[in-house]
Amino acid sequence: MEEVDGELVRLYTDRNRAMNSGNRDGAMALNKKINAYIAKNKISKKVRQNSSVAASNVKGDSKGGLKTKKVPVISIGVGMAEFKKDPSKKAKMMRGGVANKKEHMYSNGGSVTDKMNPGLRALNKTRPDVVKKILS
């Protein structure tokens, strides 16, 4: 940046802070001071522009930007939605699994397990009376 006026940068920075904080009267008073300073020191348009740009780059605190107070905010939303229910569609059956060589279906999930493991099946071929006692 070419030429800037330090006092003019300070005045512009103070005015910007006043505008950002909502102090309109303070900003108007600072505008009058800025115009008086420019007229008194016969500052060129280029220096005014450079000083204004420099003032807009000045940070309000070490974190950058002007200091603000953060407050917790809770937001609750309620909404309505329409869902059309088709009476022709029934609840679909779900595949539950295969047990005892039969497929089982369930409308609301679930599962089946085979009571006879491979060892019991082999035993069932030779000694079905023993397997019946085990499973009953």
N, C-alpha and C. Protein backbone atom coordinates (compact mmCIF):
# COMPACT_ATOMS: atom_id res chain seq x y z
N MET A 1 0.85 -1.16 0.00
CA MET A 1 0.00 0.00 0.00
C MET A 1 0.90 1.22 0.00
N GLU A 2 0.48 2.21 -0.74
CA GLU A 2 1.32 3.40 -0.88
C GLU A 2 1.30 4.24 0.39
N GLU A 3 0.59 5.31 0.41
CA GLU A 3 0.62 6.24 1.53
C GLU A 3 -0.64 6.08 2.37
N VAL A 4 -0.45 6.09 3.69
CA VAL A 4 -1.57 6.12 4.62
C VAL A 4 -1.25 7.14 5.69
N ASP A 5 -2.29 7.67 6.29
CA ASP A 5 -2.14 8.63 7.39
C ASP A 5 -2.54 7.90 8.66
N GLY A 6 -1.63 7.80 9.63
CA GLY A 6 -1.87 7.04 10.85
C GLY A 6 -3.05 7.54 11.65
N GLU A 7 -3.16 8.86 11.81
CA GLU A 7 -4.28 9.43 12.58
C GLU A 7 -5.60 9.19 11.86
N LEU A 8 -5.59 9.28 10.55
CA LEU A 8 -6.80 9.04 9.77
C LEU A 8 -7.22 7.57 9.87
N VAL A 9 -6.25 6.66 9.87
CA VAL A 9 -6.55 5.24 10.05
C VAL A 9 -7.19 5.01 11.41
N ARG A 10 -6.67 5.67 12.46
CA ARG A 10 -7.25 5.52 13.79
C ARG A 10 -8.69 6.03 13.83
N LEU A 11 -8.93 7.18 13.18
CA LEU A 11 -10.28 7.73 13.16
C LEU A 11 -11.25 6.81 12.39
N TYR A 12 -10.79 6.31 11.25
CA TYR A 12 -11.63 5.38 10.47
C TYR A 12 -11.92 4.10 11.28
N THR A 13 -10.90 3.60 11.99
CA THR A 13 -11.08 2.38 12.79
C THR A 13 -12.09 2.61 13.91
N ASP A 14 -12.00 3.75 14.59
CA ASP A 14 -12.96 4.07 15.64
C ASP A 14 -14.38 4.18 15.06
N ARG A 15 -14.49 4.81 13.90
CA ARG A 15 -15.81 4.93 13.27
C ARG A 15 -16.37 3.57 12.90
N ASN A 16 -15.53 2.68 12.34
CA ASN A 16 -15.99 1.34 11.96
C ASN A 16 -16.46 0.55 13.18
N ARG A 17 -15.72 0.67 14.28
CA ARG A 17 -16.13 -0.02 15.51
C ARG A 17 -17.45 0.52 16.04
N ALA A 18 -17.63 1.84 15.94
CA ALA A 18 -18.88 2.44 16.41
C ALA A 18 -20.05 1.96 15.54
N MET A 19 -19.85 1.86 14.24
CA MET A 19 -20.92 1.40 13.35
C MET A 19 -21.24 -0.07 13.61
N ASN A 20 -20.21 -0.89 13.83
CA ASN A 20 -20.44 -2.31 14.06
C ASN A 20 -21.11 -2.58 15.40
N SER A 21 -20.88 -1.72 16.38
CA SER A 21 -21.50 -1.91 17.69
C SER A 21 -22.89 -1.30 17.75
N GLY A 22 -23.33 -0.63 16.70
CA GLY A 22 -24.67 -0.05 16.66
C GLY A 22 -24.74 1.36 17.21
N ASN A 23 -23.60 1.97 17.48
CA ASN A 23 -23.57 3.33 18.01
C ASN A 23 -23.58 4.32 16.84
N ARG A 24 -24.77 4.60 16.35
CA ARG A 24 -24.90 5.43 15.15
C ARG A 24 -24.49 6.89 15.44
N ASP A 25 -24.86 7.38 16.61
CA ASP A 25 -24.51 8.77 16.96
C ASP A 25 -23.00 8.94 17.06
N GLY A 26 -22.34 7.96 17.66
CA GLY A 26 -20.88 8.01 17.77
C GLY A 26 -20.22 7.96 16.40
N ALA A 27 -20.78 7.15 15.51
CA ALA A 27 -20.22 7.05 14.15
C ALA A 27 -20.39 8.37 13.40
N MET A 28 -21.54 9.04 13.59
CA MET A 28 -21.77 10.33 12.92
C MET A 28 -20.79 11.39 13.46
N ALA A 29 -20.55 11.38 14.77
CA ALA A 29 -19.61 12.33 15.36
C ALA A 29 -18.20 12.08 14.83
N LEU A 30 -17.83 10.81 14.69
CA LEU A 30 -16.50 10.49 14.15
C LEU A 30 -16.39 10.87 12.68
N ASN A 31 -17.48 10.76 11.93
CA ASN A 31 -17.46 11.21 10.53
C ASN A 31 -17.15 12.70 10.45
N LYS A 32 -17.72 13.47 11.36
CA LYS A 32 -17.44 14.92 11.38
C LYS A 32 -15.96 15.17 11.69
N LYS A 33 -15.42 14.40 12.65
CA LYS A 33 -13.99 14.55 12.99
C LYS A 33 -13.12 14.18 11.80
N ILE A 34 -13.50 13.12 11.09
CA ILE A 34 -12.72 12.68 9.92
C ILE A 34 -12.73 13.77 8.85
N ASN A 35 -13.91 14.33 8.56
CA ASN A 35 -14.00 15.38 7.53
C ASN A 35 -13.22 16.62 7.94
N ALA A 36 -13.25 16.99 9.22
CA ALA A 36 -12.50 18.15 9.69
C ALA A 36 -10.99 17.89 9.57
N TYR A 37 -10.55 16.67 9.91
CA TYR A 37 -9.13 16.33 9.84
C TYR A 37 -8.65 16.35 8.39
N ILE A 38 -9.49 15.83 7.48
CA ILE A 38 -9.12 15.81 6.05
C ILE A 38 -8.99 17.24 5.52
N ALA A 39 -9.96 18.11 5.88
CA ALA A 39 -9.93 19.49 5.40
C ALA A 39 -8.74 20.26 5.99
N LYS A 40 -8.48 20.04 7.29
CA LYS A 40 -7.40 20.76 7.96
C LYS A 40 -6.03 20.39 7.39
N ASN A 41 -5.79 19.09 7.13
CA ASN A 41 -4.48 18.62 6.68
C ASN A 41 -4.37 18.48 5.17
N LYS A 42 -5.45 18.80 4.45
CA LYS A 42 -5.47 18.77 2.98
C LYS A 42 -4.97 17.40 2.47
N ILE A 43 -5.67 16.36 2.90
CA ILE A 43 -5.28 14.98 2.56
C ILE A 43 -5.90 14.62 1.22
N SER A 44 -5.09 13.99 0.35
CA SER A 44 -5.56 13.65 -1.00
C SER A 44 -6.53 12.47 -0.96
N LYS A 45 -7.23 12.33 -2.09
CA LYS A 45 -8.22 11.26 -2.21
C LYS A 45 -7.55 9.89 -2.11
N LYS A 46 -6.38 9.73 -2.68
CA LYS A 46 -5.65 8.46 -2.67
C LYS A 46 -5.26 8.07 -1.24
N VAL A 47 -4.80 9.02 -0.45
CA VAL A 47 -4.41 8.76 0.94
C VAL A 47 -5.64 8.40 1.75
N ARG A 48 -6.77 9.09 1.49
CA ARG A 48 -8.02 8.78 2.20
C ARG A 48 -8.45 7.35 1.91
N GLN A 49 -8.40 6.96 0.63
CA GLN A 49 -8.79 5.60 0.25
C GLN A 49 -7.88 4.56 0.89
N ASN A 50 -6.57 4.78 0.83
CA ASN A 50 -5.63 3.83 1.43
C ASN A 50 -5.80 3.74 2.94
N SER A 51 -6.07 4.86 3.58
CA SER A 51 -6.28 4.86 5.03
C SER A 51 -7.56 4.13 5.40
N SER A 52 -8.60 4.30 4.59
CA SER A 52 -9.86 3.61 4.83
C SER A 52 -9.70 2.10 4.69
N VAL A 53 -8.96 1.68 3.67
CA VAL A 53 -8.69 0.25 3.46
C VAL A 53 -7.87 -0.31 4.62
N ALA A 54 -6.87 0.45 5.06
CA ALA A 54 -6.05 0.01 6.19
C ALA A 54 -6.88 -0.11 7.45
N ALA A 55 -7.82 0.80 7.66
CA ALA A 55 -8.67 0.76 8.85
C ALA A 55 -9.61 -0.43 8.82
N SER A 56 -10.06 -0.82 7.63
CA SER A 56 -10.96 -1.97 7.55
C SER A 56 -10.22 -3.28 7.79
N ASN A 57 -8.89 -3.25 7.67
CA ASN A 57 -8.10 -4.45 7.93
C ASN A 57 -7.65 -4.56 9.38
N VAL A 58 -7.90 -3.53 10.20
CA VAL A 58 -7.50 -3.54 11.60
C VAL A 58 -8.42 -4.49 12.35
N LYS A 59 -7.84 -5.36 13.16
CA LYS A 59 -8.61 -6.33 13.95
C LYS A 59 -8.96 -5.72 15.29
N GLY A 60 -10.11 -6.14 15.83
CA GLY A 60 -10.59 -5.61 17.10
C GLY A 60 -9.91 -6.26 18.30
N ASP A 61 -9.48 -7.51 18.19
CA ASP A 61 -8.79 -8.20 19.27
C ASP A 61 -7.85 -9.24 18.67
N SER A 62 -7.16 -9.97 19.52
CA SER A 62 -6.14 -10.90 19.04
C SER A 62 -6.73 -12.06 18.24
N LYS A 63 -8.01 -12.36 18.43
CA LYS A 63 -8.64 -13.47 17.70
C LYS A 63 -9.13 -13.03 16.33
N GLY A 64 -9.12 -11.76 16.06
CA GLY A 64 -9.60 -11.25 14.79
C GLY A 64 -11.05 -10.83 14.91
N GLY A 65 -11.36 -9.69 14.38
CA GLY A 65 -12.73 -9.21 14.45
C GLY A 65 -12.99 -8.47 15.75
N LEU A 66 -14.17 -7.92 15.86
CA LEU A 66 -14.54 -7.20 17.06
C LEU A 66 -14.97 -8.17 18.15
N LYS A 67 -14.82 -7.75 19.40
CA LYS A 67 -15.20 -8.62 20.51
C LYS A 67 -16.71 -8.72 20.58
N THR A 68 -17.19 -9.92 20.72
CA THR A 68 -18.63 -10.14 20.87
C THR A 68 -18.83 -11.12 22.01
N LYS A 69 -20.00 -11.08 22.59
CA LYS A 69 -20.32 -11.99 23.68
C LYS A 69 -21.15 -13.12 23.10
N LYS A 70 -20.73 -14.35 23.37
CA LYS A 70 -21.47 -15.51 22.88
C LYS A 70 -22.40 -16.01 23.97
N VAL A 71 -23.63 -16.27 23.59
CA VAL A 71 -24.62 -16.77 24.54
C VAL A 71 -25.18 -18.08 24.00
N PRO A 72 -25.56 -19.00 24.88
CA PRO A 72 -26.12 -20.26 24.40
C PRO A 72 -27.50 -20.06 23.80
N VAL A 73 -27.78 -20.81 22.75
CA VAL A 73 -29.06 -20.71 22.06
C VAL A 73 -29.62 -22.12 21.92
N ILE A 74 -30.89 -22.27 22.24
CA ILE A 74 -31.57 -23.56 22.08
C ILE A 74 -32.66 -23.38 21.04
N SER A 75 -32.69 -24.27 20.08
CA SER A 75 -33.69 -24.20 19.03
C SER A 75 -34.46 -25.51 18.99
N ILE A 76 -35.79 -25.41 19.00
CA ILE A 76 -36.63 -26.59 18.93
C ILE A 76 -37.56 -26.42 17.73
N GLY A 77 -37.62 -27.44 16.90
CA GLY A 77 -38.48 -27.38 15.73
C GLY A 77 -39.51 -28.49 15.76
N VAL A 78 -40.71 -28.16 15.35
CA VAL A 78 -41.79 -29.13 15.27
C VAL A 78 -42.37 -29.05 13.88
N GLY A 79 -42.60 -30.18 13.26
CA GLY A 79 -43.16 -30.17 11.92
C GLY A 79 -44.16 -31.29 11.73
N MET A 80 -44.91 -31.19 10.68
CA MET A 80 -45.92 -32.20 10.34
C MET A 80 -45.63 -32.67 8.91
N ALA A 81 -45.88 -33.94 8.69
CA ALA A 81 -45.72 -34.50 7.36
C ALA A 81 -46.87 -35.46 7.10
N GLU A 82 -47.28 -35.52 5.85
CA GLU A 82 -48.36 -36.43 5.49
C GLU A 82 -47.78 -37.68 4.84
N PHE A 83 -48.26 -38.82 5.30
CA PHE A 83 -47.87 -40.09 4.72
C PHE A 83 -49.16 -40.78 4.28
N LYS A 84 -49.23 -41.11 3.02
CA LYS A 84 -50.41 -41.80 2.51
C LYS A 84 -50.27 -43.29 2.77
N LYS A 85 -51.30 -43.86 3.36
CA LYS A 85 -51.30 -45.28 3.65
C LYS A 85 -52.10 -45.98 2.56
N ASP A 86 -51.47 -46.90 1.87
CA ASP A 86 -52.13 -47.63 0.79
C ASP A 86 -52.81 -48.87 1.39
N PRO A 87 -54.15 -48.90 1.39
CA PRO A 87 -54.84 -50.04 2.01
C PRO A 87 -54.66 -51.35 1.25
N SER A 88 -54.25 -51.27 -0.01
CA SER A 88 -54.10 -52.50 -0.79
C SER A 88 -52.79 -53.23 -0.44
N LYS A 89 -51.87 -52.54 0.19
CA LYS A 89 -50.59 -53.18 0.53
C LYS A 89 -50.65 -53.72 1.95
N LYS A 90 -50.32 -54.97 2.11
CA LYS A 90 -50.25 -55.59 3.43
C LYS A 90 -48.80 -55.60 3.89
N ALA A 91 -48.62 -55.87 5.17
CA ALA A 91 -47.26 -55.99 5.68
C ALA A 91 -46.61 -57.19 5.02
N LYS A 92 -45.43 -56.97 4.48
CA LYS A 92 -44.75 -58.05 3.77
C LYS A 92 -44.09 -59.00 4.76
N MET A 93 -44.13 -60.26 4.41
CA MET A 93 -43.49 -61.27 5.25
C MET A 93 -41.99 -61.23 5.00
N MET A 94 -41.25 -61.41 6.07
CA MET A 94 -39.80 -61.45 5.97
C MET A 94 -39.33 -62.88 6.13
N ARG A 95 -38.24 -63.18 5.48
CA ARG A 95 -37.68 -64.52 5.56
C ARG A 95 -37.02 -64.68 6.91
N GLY A 96 -37.48 -65.65 7.68
CA GLY A 96 -36.94 -65.87 9.01
C GLY A 96 -35.76 -66.82 9.02
N GLY A 97 -35.70 -67.71 8.08
CA GLY A 97 -34.60 -68.66 8.03
C GLY A 97 -35.11 -70.06 7.74
N VAL A 98 -34.22 -70.99 7.73
CA VAL A 98 -34.57 -72.38 7.46
C VAL A 98 -34.24 -73.20 8.70
N ALA A 99 -35.23 -73.98 9.14
CA ALA A 99 -35.01 -74.88 10.27
C ALA A 99 -35.73 -76.18 9.98
N ASN A 100 -35.07 -77.26 10.27
CA ASN A 100 -35.62 -78.59 10.02
C ASN A 100 -36.07 -78.75 8.58
N LYS A 101 -35.27 -78.20 7.68
CA LYS A 101 -35.49 -78.28 6.23
C LYS A 101 -36.77 -77.57 5.78
N LYS A 102 -37.26 -76.61 6.58
CA LYS A 102 -38.44 -75.83 6.23
C LYS A 102 -38.09 -74.35 6.30
N GLU A 103 -38.60 -73.58 5.34
CA GLU A 103 -38.38 -72.13 5.37
C GLU A 103 -39.48 -71.49 6.21
N HIS A 104 -39.09 -70.59 7.09
CA HIS A 104 -40.04 -69.92 7.98
C HIS A 104 -40.10 -68.44 7.64
N MET A 105 -41.31 -67.88 7.65
CA MET A 105 -41.52 -66.47 7.33
C MET A 105 -42.15 -65.78 8.55
N TYR A 106 -41.75 -64.51 8.78
CA TYR A 106 -42.27 -63.73 9.89
C TYR A 106 -42.65 -62.35 9.39
N SER A 107 -43.73 -61.78 9.93
CA SER A 107 -44.16 -60.46 9.48
C SER A 107 -43.38 -59.35 10.18
N ASN A 108 -42.86 -59.58 11.37
CA ASN A 108 -42.14 -58.52 12.07
C ASN A 108 -40.74 -58.97 12.47
N GLY A 109 -40.06 -59.62 11.58
CA GLY A 109 -38.69 -60.02 11.85
C GLY A 109 -38.64 -61.34 12.60
N GLY A 110 -37.60 -61.57 13.32
CA GLY A 110 -37.43 -62.81 14.05
C GLY A 110 -36.50 -63.74 13.31
N SER A 111 -36.16 -64.82 13.95
CA SER A 111 -35.29 -65.80 13.31
C SER A 111 -35.57 -67.17 13.91
N VAL A 112 -35.22 -68.18 13.17
CA VAL A 112 -35.37 -69.55 13.64
C VAL A 112 -34.02 -70.23 13.59
N THR A 113 -33.87 -71.19 14.45
CA THR A 113 -32.63 -71.96 14.43
C THR A 113 -32.98 -73.43 14.33
N ASP A 114 -32.12 -74.13 13.76
CA ASP A 114 -32.30 -75.57 13.57
C ASP A 114 -31.96 -76.28 14.87
N LYS A 115 -32.92 -77.06 15.40
CA LYS A 115 -32.67 -77.77 16.65
C LYS A 115 -31.67 -78.91 16.45
N MET A 116 -31.67 -79.44 15.25
CA MET A 116 -30.81 -80.62 15.01
C MET A 116 -29.52 -80.17 14.34
N ASN A 117 -28.45 -80.28 15.04
CA ASN A 117 -27.16 -79.99 14.43
C ASN A 117 -26.71 -81.20 13.63
N PRO A 118 -25.67 -81.11 12.84
CA PRO A 118 -25.25 -82.23 11.99
C PRO A 118 -24.97 -83.52 12.76
N GLY A 119 -24.47 -83.41 14.00
CA GLY A 119 -24.21 -84.61 14.79
C GLY A 119 -25.49 -85.33 15.16
N LEU A 120 -26.53 -84.55 15.51
CA LEU A 120 -27.82 -85.17 15.84
C LEU A 120 -28.47 -85.80 14.61
N ARG A 121 -28.30 -85.18 13.47
CA ARG A 121 -28.87 -85.76 12.24
C ARG A 121 -28.25 -87.13 11.95
N ALA A 122 -26.95 -87.20 12.11
CA ALA A 122 -26.28 -88.47 11.86
C ALA A 122 -26.73 -89.53 12.87
N LEU A 123 -26.90 -89.10 14.12
CA LEU A 123 -27.37 -90.02 15.14
C LEU A 123 -28.82 -90.44 14.89
N ASN A 124 -29.60 -89.49 14.33
CA ASN A 124 -31.01 -89.77 14.05
C ASN A 124 -31.17 -90.89 13.02
N LYS A 125 -30.22 -91.01 12.12
CA LYS A 125 -30.31 -92.07 11.11
C LYS A 125 -30.11 -93.44 11.74
N THR A 126 -29.23 -93.51 12.73
CA THR A 126 -28.95 -94.82 13.32
C THR A 126 -29.79 -95.08 14.57
N ARG A 127 -30.02 -94.06 15.42
CA ARG A 127 -30.75 -94.25 16.68
C ARG A 127 -31.80 -93.14 16.85
N PRO A 128 -32.93 -93.21 16.15
CA PRO A 128 -33.94 -92.16 16.27
C PRO A 128 -34.58 -92.10 17.66
N ASP A 129 -34.62 -93.19 18.39
CA ASP A 129 -35.22 -93.18 19.73
C ASP A 129 -34.40 -92.31 20.69
N VAL A 130 -33.09 -92.31 20.57
CA VAL A 130 -32.23 -91.48 21.42
C VAL A 130 -32.41 -90.01 21.10
N VAL A 131 -32.50 -89.69 19.83
CA VAL A 131 -32.66 -88.27 19.40
C VAL A 131 -33.98 -87.73 19.89
N LYS A 132 -35.05 -88.53 19.88
CA LYS A 132 -36.35 -88.09 20.36
C LYS A 132 -36.29 -87.72 21.84
N LYS A 133 -35.55 -88.55 22.65
CA LYS A 133 -35.39 -88.26 24.06
C LYS A 133 -34.62 -86.96 24.28
N ILE A 134 -33.62 -86.72 23.46
CA ILE A 134 -32.79 -85.50 23.59
C ILE A 134 -33.62 -84.25 23.28
N LEU A 135 -34.41 -84.29 22.21
CA LEU A 135 -35.17 -83.12 21.77
C LEU A 135 -36.47 -82.89 22.54
N SER A 136 -36.93 -83.84 23.28
CA SER A 136 -38.19 -83.65 23.99
C SER A 136 -38.01 -83.12 25.38
